[in-house]
C-alpha atoms as a PDB file:
ATOM      1  CA  MET A   1      80.600 -80.114 -57.467  1.00  0.00           C
ATOM      2  CA  HIS A   2      81.230 -76.700 -57.631  1.00  0.00           C
ATOM      3  CA  LEU A   3      81.409 -75.255 -61.577  1.00  0.00           C
ATOM      4  CA  SER A   4      81.946 -71.782 -62.912  1.00  0.00           C
ATOM      5  CA  GLY A   5      81.940 -69.491 -65.942  1.00  0.00           C
ATOM      6  CA  LYS A   6      80.501 -66.515 -67.623  1.00  0.00           C
ATOM      7  CA  VAL A   7      77.701 -65.545 -68.469  1.00  0.00           C
ATOM      8  CA  SER A   8      77.361 -65.241 -72.729  1.00  0.00           C
ATOM      9  CA  SER A   9      74.468 -64.535 -74.279  1.00  0.00           C
ATOM     10  CA  GLY A  10      72.714 -67.823 -76.270  1.00  0.00           C
ATOM     11  CA  LEU A  11      70.783 -67.463 -80.278  1.00  0.00           C
ATOM     12  CA  GLY A  12      67.821 -66.923 -78.290  1.00  0.00           C
ATOM     13  CA  ARG A  13      65.693 -69.585 -79.241  1.00  0.00           C
ATOM     14  CA  ALA A  14      65.773 -71.217 -76.028  1.00  0.00           C
ATOM     15  CA  HIS A  15      62.123 -70.149 -74.656  1.00  0.00           C
ATOM     16  CA  VAL A  16      60.154 -71.851 -77.923  1.00  0.00           C
ATOM     17  CA  PHE A  17      61.222 -74.787 -76.208  1.00  0.00           C
ATOM     18  CA  MET A  18      60.963 -74.047 -72.546  1.00  0.00           C
ATOM     19  CA  ALA A  19      57.494 -72.453 -73.145  1.00  0.00           C
ATOM     20  CA  GLN A  20      56.291 -75.868 -73.989  1.00  0.00           C
ATOM     21  CA  PRO A  21      53.593 -77.525 -71.763  1.00  0.00           C
ATOM     22  CA  HIS A  22      54.697 -80.826 -71.868  1.00  0.00           C
ATOM     23  CA  TYR A  23      59.242 -79.250 -71.051  1.00  0.00           C
ATOM     24  CA  GLN A  24      57.018 -77.306 -68.233  1.00  0.00           C
ATOM     25  CA  GLU A  25      55.288 -80.080 -66.403  1.00  0.00           C
ATOM     26  CA  GLN A  26      58.418 -81.534 -66.121  1.00  0.00           C
ATOM     27  CA  PHE A  27      60.606 -78.605 -65.355  1.00  0.00           C
ATOM     28  CA  LYS A  28      58.030 -77.853 -62.042  1.00  0.00           C
ATOM     29  CA  GLN A  29      59.170 -81.450 -61.130  1.00  0.00           C
ATOM     30  CA  VAL A  30      62.567 -80.690 -60.612  1.00  0.00           C
ATOM     31  CA  LEU A  31      62.451 -77.683 -59.805  1.00  0.00           C
ATOM     32  CA  ASP A  32      59.424 -77.305 -57.703  1.00  0.00           C
ATOM     33  CA  VAL A  33      58.059 -74.229 -59.670  1.00  0.00           C
ATOM     34  CA  SER A  34      57.666 -73.715 -63.492  1.00  0.00           C
ATOM     35  CA  ALA A  35      60.512 -72.524 -65.330  1.00  0.00           C
ATOM     36  CA  TRP A  36      61.245 -69.411 -66.236  1.00  0.00           C
ATOM     37  CA  PRO A  37      60.501 -69.406 -70.260  1.00  0.00           C
ATOM     38  CA  GLY A  38      64.585 -69.391 -71.599  1.00  0.00           C
ATOM     39  CA  THR A  39      68.144 -70.688 -70.031  1.00  0.00           C
ATOM     40  CA  LEU A  40      70.689 -68.345 -69.154  1.00  0.00           C
ATOM     41  CA  ASN A  41      74.458 -69.504 -70.673  1.00  0.00           C
ATOM     42  CA  LEU A  42      77.610 -69.756 -69.015  1.00  0.00           C
ATOM     43  CA  ASP A  43      80.446 -70.659 -71.071  1.00  0.00           C
ATOM     44  CA  MET A  44      82.857 -72.722 -68.521  1.00  0.00           C
ATOM     45  CA  ASP A  45      86.027 -71.925 -67.068  1.00  0.00           C
ATOM     46  CA  GLU A  46      89.092 -73.443 -68.109  1.00  0.00           C
ATOM     47  CA  SER A  47      89.172 -74.651 -64.056  1.00  0.00           C
ATOM     48  CA  SER A  48      85.316 -75.861 -64.900  1.00  0.00           C
ATOM     49  CA  LEU A  49      85.754 -77.631 -67.530  1.00  0.00           C
ATOM     50  CA  SER A  50      86.444 -81.385 -66.468  1.00  0.00           C
ATOM     51  CA  ASP A  51      83.742 -81.452 -64.244  1.00  0.00           C
ATOM     52  CA  TYR A  52      80.753 -80.208 -67.236  1.00  0.00           C
ATOM     53  CA  LYS A  53      82.317 -83.022 -68.875  1.00  0.00           C
ATOM     54  CA  ASN A  54      81.607 -85.031 -66.407  1.00  0.00           C
ATOM     55  CA  LEU A  55      77.986 -83.974 -66.667  1.00  0.00           C
ATOM     56  CA  ARG A  56      78.232 -84.707 -70.148  1.00  0.00           C
ATOM     57  CA  ILE A  57      78.787 -87.980 -69.393  1.00  0.00           C
ATOM     58  CA  LEU A  58      76.311 -89.051 -67.141  1.00  0.00           C
ATOM     59  CA  SER A  59      74.202 -87.481 -69.699  1.00  0.00           C
ATOM     60  CA  GLY A  60      75.258 -89.951 -72.369  1.00  0.00           C
ATOM     61  CA  LEU A  61      76.379 -87.659 -74.285  1.00  0.00           C
ATOM     62  CA  GLU A  62      79.979 -88.293 -74.422  1.00  0.00           C
ATOM     63  CA  GLU A  63      82.274 -91.532 -73.632  1.00  0.00           C
ATOM     64  CA  GLY A  64      84.860 -91.230 -70.378  1.00  0.00           C
ATOM     65  CA  ASP A  65      84.845 -92.290 -67.368  1.00  0.00           C
ATOM     66  CA  ILE A  66      82.869 -90.774 -64.549  1.00  0.00           C
ATOM     67  CA  SER A  67      84.032 -88.767 -62.091  1.00  0.00           C
ATOM     68  CA  HIS A  68      81.664 -86.973 -59.921  1.00  0.00           C
ATOM     69  CA  HIS A  69      78.022 -89.239 -59.574  1.00  0.00           C
ATOM     70  CA  THR A  70      75.307 -86.553 -58.792  1.00  0.00           C
ATOM     71  CA  ASN A  71      71.690 -87.245 -58.925  1.00  0.00           C
ATOM     72  CA  SER A  72      70.418 -86.487 -62.378  1.00  0.00           C
ATOM     73  CA  PHE A  73      66.545 -86.246 -63.524  1.00  0.00           C
ATOM     74  CA  ARG A  74      65.162 -87.216 -67.168  1.00  0.00           C
ATOM     75  CA  ILE A  75      63.024 -84.486 -69.323  1.00  0.00           C
ATOM     76  CA  LYS A  76      61.341 -86.905 -71.899  1.00  0.00           C
ATOM     77  CA  GLY A  77      61.212 -85.336 -75.175  1.00  0.00           C
ATOM     78  CA  PHE A  78      58.183 -85.169 -77.426  1.00  0.00           C
ATOM     79  CA  GLU A  79      55.998 -84.864 -80.703  1.00  0.00           C
ATOM     80  CA  ARG A  80      53.648 -82.534 -81.790  1.00  0.00           C
ATOM     81  CA  ASP A  81      52.573 -81.575 -85.295  1.00  0.00           C
ATOM     82  CA  GLY A  82      54.259 -82.995 -86.336  1.00  0.00           C
ATOM     83  CA  LYS A  83      57.629 -81.397 -84.418  1.00  0.00           C
ATOM     84  CA  SER A  84      60.139 -83.641 -82.597  1.00  0.00           C
ATOM     85  CA  PHE A  85      61.315 -82.038 -79.263  1.00  0.00           C
ATOM     86  CA  GLY A  86      63.417 -83.623 -77.860  1.00  0.00           C
ATOM     87  CA  GLY A  87      64.733 -84.893 -74.546  1.00  0.00           C
ATOM     88  CA  ALA A  88      67.494 -83.329 -72.069  1.00  0.00           C
ATOM     89  CA  THR A  89      68.667 -84.368 -68.326  1.00  0.00           C
ATOM     90  CA  ALA A  90      68.781 -82.181 -65.576  1.00  0.00           C
ATOM     91  CA  PHE A  91      70.582 -81.188 -62.572  1.00  0.00           C
ATOM     92  CA  LEU A  92      69.968 -79.335 -59.290  1.00  0.00           C
ATOM     93  CA  ALA A  93      72.113 -76.691 -58.602  1.00  0.00           C
ATOM     94  CA  LYS A  94      71.852 -73.287 -56.945  1.00  0.00           C
ATOM     95  CA  ILE A  95      73.669 -70.186 -58.610  1.00  0.00           C
ATOM     96  CA  SER A  96      75.535 -67.049 -57.460  1.00  0.00           C
ATOM     97  CA  VAL A  97      77.183 -64.075 -58.923  1.00  0.00           C
ATOM     98  CA  ASP A  98      78.618 -63.054 -55.199  1.00  0.00           C
ATOM     99  CA  ASN A  99      78.660 -66.765 -53.711  1.00  0.00           C
ATOM    100  CA  GLU A 100      76.726 -65.252 -50.872  1.00  0.00           C
ATOM    101  CA  ASN A 101      73.038 -65.013 -52.454  1.00  0.00           C
ATOM    102  CA  TRP A 102      71.993 -68.521 -53.921  1.00  0.00           C
ATOM    103  CA  ILE A 103      68.882 -68.886 -56.063  1.00  0.00           C
ATOM    104  CA  GLU A 104      67.977 -72.763 -56.915  1.00  0.00           C
ATOM    105  CA  CYS A 105      68.154 -73.200 -60.795  1.00  0.00           C
ATOM    106  CA  ALA A 106      69.410 -76.665 -62.845  1.00  0.00           C
ATOM    107  CA  ILE A 107      72.181 -77.345 -65.667  1.00  0.00           C
ATOM    108  CA  LEU A 108      70.427 -78.571 -68.607  1.00  0.00           C
ATOM    109  CA  ILE A 109      71.295 -80.610 -70.958  1.00  0.00           C
ATOM    110  CA  PRO A 110      69.732 -81.607 -73.960  1.00  0.00           C
ATOM    111  CA  ASP A 111      70.089 -84.731 -75.866  1.00  0.00           C
ATOM    112  CA  LEU A 112      70.451 -82.580 -79.205  1.00  0.00           C
ATOM    113  CA  THR A 113      73.227 -79.566 -78.404  1.00  0.00           C
ATOM    114  CA  ARG A 114      76.127 -77.847 -79.815  1.00  0.00           C
ATOM    115  CA  HIS A 115      77.307 -76.851 -76.388  1.00  0.00           C
ATOM    116  CA  THR A 116      80.306 -78.545 -75.071  1.00  0.00           C
ATOM    117  CA  GLU A 117      81.697 -75.457 -73.332  1.00  0.00           C
ATOM    118  CA  THR A 118      78.815 -74.018 -72.146  1.00  0.00           C
ATOM    119  CA  ALA A 119      76.027 -74.688 -69.469  1.00  0.00           C
ATOM    120  CA  GLU A 120      72.241 -73.883 -70.273  1.00  0.00           C
ATOM    121  CA  VAL A 121      70.697 -73.189 -66.610  1.00  0.00           C
ATOM    122  CA  ILE A 122      66.975 -72.612 -65.904  1.00  0.00           C
ATOM    123  CA  SER A 123      64.783 -71.361 -62.641  1.00  0.00           C
ATOM    124  CA  GLY A 124      62.216 -70.097 -61.913  1.00  0.00           C
ATOM    125  CA  SER A 125      63.215 -67.036 -62.216  1.00  0.00           C
ATOM    126  CA  PHE A 126      64.389 -64.605 -64.647  1.00  0.00           C
ATOM    127  CA  LEU A 127      68.728 -65.201 -63.725  1.00  0.00           C
ATOM    128  CA  ARG A 128      69.869 -61.784 -65.605  1.00  0.00           C
ATOM    129  CA  GLU A 129      67.603 -59.846 -63.241  1.00  0.00           C
ATOM    130  CA  SER A 130      67.233 -62.231 -60.450  1.00  0.00           C
ATOM    131  CA  LEU A 131      70.954 -62.249 -59.394  1.00  0.00           C
ATOM    132  CA  PRO A 132      71.135 -59.475 -61.390  1.00  0.00           C
ATOM    133  CA  CYS A 133      73.939 -60.961 -63.954  1.00  0.00           C
ATOM    134  CA  LYS A 134      74.916 -59.601 -67.741  1.00  0.00           C
ATOM    135  CA  ASP A 135      77.531 -61.153 -70.069  1.00  0.00           C
ATOM    136  CA  GLY A 136      81.025 -61.391 -69.387  1.00  0.00           C
ATOM    137  CA  ASP A 137      79.655 -61.722 -65.513  1.00  0.00           C
ATOM    138  CA  LYS A 138      81.124 -63.747 -63.676  1.00  0.00           C
ATOM    139  CA  LEU A 139      79.063 -67.046 -61.937  1.00  0.00           C
ATOM    140  CA  LYS A 140      79.464 -70.018 -59.939  1.00  0.00           C
ATOM    141  CA  ILE A 141      77.188 -72.846 -59.675  1.00  0.00           C
ATOM    142  CA  LYS A 142      77.324 -75.419 -57.454  1.00  0.00           C
ATOM    143  CA  LEU A 143      75.645 -78.680 -57.711  1.00  0.00           C
ATOM    144  CA  ASN A 144      73.017 -80.298 -55.020  1.00  0.00           C
END
């Protein structure tokens, strides 16, 4: 499965969740490295919306028929100091700005998210520098 979308700025709050040790332990199992404490947001192109919806169905966030099966990893939520941190589903992938150089990553779909057309991408590196990319750049993702 291939997805494409444009880089967009998020709310700047992902680092609060991404830096949590409980999450980082699980991200390390998925990515084989610790995840950069933040996400890269990609607003899905029209042509990728049905495949992205498929991932949301596989995550249990939407109802519908599954068109493609792909392996997923469950990220368990937790509670700390009376604050609840929700779970998520991760899908291993690779991301590229030029369709030649690919960086290992995962699409992370939190259980509690307002993003229905925006993929949140995690990686062991700061993708805005590693790819490099900026808001408005078109990126490609291929799921493993």
